[in-house]
PDB file of N, CA and C in Angstrom:
ATOM      1  N   MET A   1      60.499 -54.775 -99.902  1.00  0.00           N
ATOM      2  CA  MET A   1      60.913 -54.527 -98.540  1.00  0.00           C
ATOM      3  C   MET A   1      61.106 -53.027 -98.300  1.00  0.00           C
ATOM      4  N   LEU A   2      61.710 -52.368 -99.269  1.00  0.00           N
ATOM      5  CA  LEU A   2      61.945 -50.926 -99.131  1.00  0.00           C
ATOM      6  C   LEU A   2      60.620 -50.163 -99.083  1.00  0.00           C
ATOM      7  N   LYS A   3      59.652 -50.646 -99.853  1.00  0.00           N
ATOM      8  CA  LYS A   3      58.347 -49.993 -99.860  1.00  0.00           C
ATOM      9  C   LYS A   3      57.693 -50.105 -98.478  1.00  0.00           C
ATOM     10  N   GLY A   4      57.773 -51.259 -97.850  1.00  0.00           N
ATOM     11  CA  GLY A   4      57.213 -51.445 -96.518  1.00  0.00           C
ATOM     12  C   GLY A   4      57.905 -50.573 -95.486  1.00  0.00           C
ATOM     13  N   PHE A   5      59.228 -50.449 -95.589  1.00  0.00           N
ATOM     14  CA  PHE A   5      59.989 -49.594 -94.682  1.00  0.00           C
ATOM     15  C   PHE A   5      59.587 -48.139 -94.866  1.00  0.00           C
ATOM     16  N   ALA A   6      59.430 -47.715 -96.101  1.00  0.00           N
ATOM     17  CA  ALA A   6      59.032 -46.328 -96.382  1.00  0.00           C
ATOM     18  C   ALA A   6      57.640 -46.039 -95.825  1.00  0.00           C
ATOM     19  N   ILE A   7      56.726 -46.975 -95.964  1.00  0.00           N
ATOM     20  CA  ILE A   7      55.375 -46.795 -95.428  1.00  0.00           C
ATOM     21  C   ILE A   7      55.416 -46.700 -93.908  1.00  0.00           C
ATOM     22  N   ALA A   8      56.212 -47.559 -93.271  1.00  0.00           N
ATOM     23  CA  ALA A   8      56.330 -47.532 -91.812  1.00  0.00           C
ATOM     24  C   ALA A   8      56.896 -46.198 -91.331  1.00  0.00           C
ATOM     25  N   VAL A   9      57.896 -45.683 -92.028  1.00  0.00           N
ATOM     26  CA  VAL A   9      58.488 -44.400 -91.650  1.00  0.00           C
ATOM     27  C   VAL A   9      57.464 -43.284 -91.796  1.00  0.00           C
ATOM     28  N   LEU A  10      56.716 -43.281 -92.869  1.00  0.00           N
ATOM     29  CA  LEU A  10      55.702 -42.243 -93.072  1.00  0.00           C
ATOM     30  C   LEU A  10      54.603 -42.312 -92.017  1.00  0.00           C
ATOM     31  N   VAL A  11      54.197 -43.506 -91.636  1.00  0.00           N
ATOM     32  CA  VAL A  11      53.166 -43.655 -90.602  1.00  0.00           C
ATOM     33  C   VAL A  11      53.695 -43.143 -89.268  1.00  0.00           C
ATOM     34  N   LEU A  12      54.942 -43.476 -88.931  1.00  0.00           N
ATOM     35  CA  LEU A  12      55.534 -42.997 -87.681  1.00  0.00           C
ATOM     36  C   LEU A  12      55.669 -41.485 -87.673  1.00  0.00           C
ATOM     37  N   LEU A  13      56.098 -40.911 -88.775  1.00  0.00           N
ATOM     38  CA  LEU A  13      56.208 -39.449 -88.851  1.00  0.00           C
ATOM     39  C   LEU A  13      54.843 -38.791 -88.709  1.00  0.00           C
ATOM     40  N   GLY A  14      53.835 -39.380 -89.302  1.00  0.00           N
ATOM     41  CA  GLY A  14      52.480 -38.853 -89.158  1.00  0.00           C
ATOM     42  C   GLY A  14      51.999 -38.930 -87.718  1.00  0.00           C
ATOM     43  N   ALA A  15      52.284 -40.044 -87.045  1.00  0.00           N
ATOM     44  CA  ALA A  15      51.887 -40.194 -85.648  1.00  0.00           C
ATOM     45  C   ALA A  15      52.606 -39.178 -84.773  1.00  0.00           C
ATOM     46  N   LEU A  16      53.889 -38.935 -85.047  1.00  0.00           N
ATOM     47  CA  LEU A  16      54.632 -37.939 -84.275  1.00  0.00           C
ATOM     48  C   LEU A  16      54.055 -36.544 -84.472  1.00  0.00           C
ATOM     49  N   GLN A  17      53.677 -36.219 -85.700  1.00  0.00           N
ATOM     50  CA  GLN A  17      53.097 -34.907 -85.976  1.00  0.00           C
ATOM     51  C   GLN A  17      51.752 -34.734 -85.269  1.00  0.00           C
ATOM     52  N   LEU A  18      50.931 -35.774 -85.289  1.00  0.00           N
ATOM     53  CA  LEU A  18      49.644 -35.700 -84.596  1.00  0.00           C
ATOM     54  C   LEU A  18      49.840 -35.545 -83.099  1.00  0.00           C
ATOM     55  N   ASP A  19      50.825 -36.249 -82.542  1.00  0.00           N
ATOM     56  CA  ASP A  19      51.114 -36.125 -81.114  1.00  0.00           C
ATOM     57  C   ASP A  19      51.553 -34.705 -80.782  1.00  0.00           C
ATOM     58  N   GLN A  20      52.398 -34.136 -81.599  1.00  0.00           N
ATOM     59  CA  GLN A  20      52.850 -32.768 -81.360  1.00  0.00           C
ATOM     60  C   GLN A  20      51.674 -31.791 -81.436  1.00  0.00           C
ATOM     61  N   TYR A  21      50.779 -32.008 -82.356  1.00  0.00           N
ATOM     62  CA  TYR A  21      49.669 -31.076 -82.552  1.00  0.00           C
ATOM     63  C   TYR A  21      48.599 -31.203 -81.471  1.00  0.00           C
ATOM     64  N   TYR A  22      48.169 -32.440 -81.186  1.00  0.00           N
ATOM     65  CA  TYR A  22      47.049 -32.637 -80.276  1.00  0.00           C
ATOM     66  C   TYR A  22      47.448 -32.744 -78.799  1.00  0.00           C
ATOM     67  N   TYR A  23      48.606 -33.309 -78.513  1.00  0.00           N
ATOM     68  CA  TYR A  23      48.977 -33.585 -77.129  1.00  0.00           C
ATOM     69  C   TYR A  23      50.257 -32.884 -76.699  1.00  0.00           C
ATOM     70  N   ALA A  24      50.708 -31.900 -77.451  1.00  0.00           N
ATOM     71  CA  ALA A  24      51.909 -31.119 -77.145  1.00  0.00           C
ATOM     72  C   ALA A  24      53.138 -32.006 -76.981  1.00  0.00           C
ATOM     73  N   GLY A  25      53.155 -33.153 -77.656  1.00  0.00           N
ATOM     74  CA  GLY A  25      54.340 -34.011 -77.671  1.00  0.00           C
ATOM     75  C   GLY A  25      54.572 -34.826 -76.421  1.00  0.00           C
ATOM     76  N   GLN A  26      53.577 -34.960 -75.546  1.00  0.00           N
ATOM     77  CA  GLN A  26      53.825 -35.681 -74.297  1.00  0.00           C
ATOM     78  C   GLN A  26      54.093 -37.162 -74.531  1.00  0.00           C
ATOM     79  N   TYR A  27      53.433 -37.781 -75.500  1.00  0.00           N
ATOM     80  CA  TYR A  27      53.675 -39.193 -75.759  1.00  0.00           C
ATOM     81  C   TYR A  27      55.015 -39.399 -76.456  1.00  0.00           C
ATOM     82  N   THR A  28      55.388 -38.488 -77.330  1.00  0.00           N
ATOM     83  CA  THR A  28      56.687 -38.558 -77.988  1.00  0.00           C
ATOM     84  C   THR A  28      57.804 -38.437 -76.959  1.00  0.00           C
ATOM     85  N   ASP A  29      57.675 -37.491 -76.052  1.00  0.00           N
ATOM     86  CA  ASP A  29      58.692 -37.310 -75.011  1.00  0.00           C
ATOM     87  C   ASP A  29      58.800 -38.543 -74.127  1.00  0.00           C
ATOM     88  N   ALA A  30      57.660 -39.119 -73.752  1.00  0.00           N
ATOM     89  CA  ALA A  30      57.674 -40.313 -72.907  1.00  0.00           C
ATOM     90  C   ALA A  30      58.310 -41.493 -73.635  1.00  0.00           C
ATOM     91  N   THR A  31      58.015 -41.641 -74.913  1.00  0.00           N
ATOM     92  CA  THR A  31      58.592 -42.734 -75.695  1.00  0.00           C
ATOM     93  C   THR A  31      60.096 -42.577 -75.830  1.00  0.00           C
ATOM     94  N   LEU A  32      60.549 -41.370 -76.118  1.00  0.00           N
ATOM     95  CA  LEU A  32      61.991 -41.143 -76.242  1.00  0.00           C
ATOM     96  C   LEU A  32      62.702 -41.360 -74.909  1.00  0.00           C
ATOM     97  N   SER A  33      62.072 -40.974 -73.815  1.00  0.00           N
ATOM     98  CA  SER A  33      62.648 -41.203 -72.497  1.00  0.00           C
ATOM     99  C   SER A  33      62.767 -42.695 -72.212  1.00  0.00           C
ATOM    100  N   MET A  34      61.736 -43.445 -72.564  1.00  0.00           N
ATOM    101  CA  MET A  34      61.768 -44.893 -72.362  1.00  0.00           C
ATOM    102  C   MET A  34      62.866 -45.528 -73.209  1.00  0.00           C
ATOM    103  N   LEU A  35      63.015 -45.097 -74.450  1.00  0.00           N
ATOM    104  CA  LEU A  35      64.063 -45.642 -75.314  1.00  0.00           C
ATOM    105  C   LEU A  35      65.454 -45.313 -74.786  1.00  0.00           C
ATOM    106  N   ARG A  36      65.623 -44.119 -74.211  1.00  0.00           N
ATOM    107  CA  ARG A  36      66.906 -43.759 -73.597  1.00  0.00           C
ATOM    108  C   ARG A  36      67.225 -44.678 -72.430  1.00  0.00           C
ATOM    109  N   GLN A  37      66.218 -44.984 -71.614  1.00  0.00           N
ATOM    110  CA  GLN A  37      66.442 -45.868 -70.471  1.00  0.00           C
ATOM    111  C   GLN A  37      66.784 -47.282 -70.923  1.00  0.00           C
ATOM    112  N   ILE A  38      66.132 -47.757 -71.969  1.00  0.00           N
ATOM    113  CA  ILE A  38      66.440 -49.074 -72.518  1.00  0.00           C
ATOM    114  C   ILE A  38      67.866 -49.087 -73.052  1.00  0.00           C
ATOM    115  N   ARG A  39      68.242 -48.029 -73.762  1.00  0.00           N
ATOM    116  CA  ARG A  39      69.594 -47.945 -74.297  1.00  0.00           C
ATOM    117  C   ARG A  39      70.631 -47.942 -73.182  1.00  0.00           C
ATOM    118  N   HIS A  40      70.362 -47.213 -72.109  1.00  0.00           N
ATOM    119  CA  HIS A  40      71.294 -47.177 -70.983  1.00  0.00           C
ATOM    120  C   HIS A  40      71.390 -48.542 -70.286  1.00  0.00           C
ATOM    121  N   SER A  41      70.272 -49.261 -70.242  1.00  0.00           N
ATOM    122  CA  SER A  41      70.302 -50.562 -69.586  1.00  0.00           C
ATOM    123  C   SER A  41      71.152 -51.565 -70.363  1.00  0.00           C
ATOM    124  N   PHE A  42      71.242 -51.384 -71.679  1.00  0.00           N
ATOM    125  CA  PHE A  42      72.094 -52.253 -72.493  1.00  0.00           C
ATOM    126  C   PHE A  42      73.482 -51.645 -72.706  1.00  0.00           C
ATOM    127  N   ARG A  43      73.721 -50.458 -72.104  1.00  0.00           N
ATOM    128  CA  ARG A  43      75.008 -49.768 -72.188  1.00  0.00           C
ATOM    129  C   ARG A  43      75.447 -49.503 -73.638  1.00  0.00           C
ATOM    130  N   ILE A  44      74.484 -49.022 -74.411  1.00  0.00           N
ATOM    131  CA  ILE A  44      74.782 -48.703 -75.814  1.00  0.00           C
ATOM    132  C   ILE A  44      75.048 -47.227 -75.929  1.00  0.00           C
TER     133      ILE A  44
END
């Protein structure tokens, strides 16, 4: 289970780095904004 979690984290970090390099982080910013709105809707 830990191995699968570690692989998932590495894949996500790689995707974030590619987004920062190729798209100036626009997808990362949009995703974080969406997660903030979801968090606010659940009042967390």
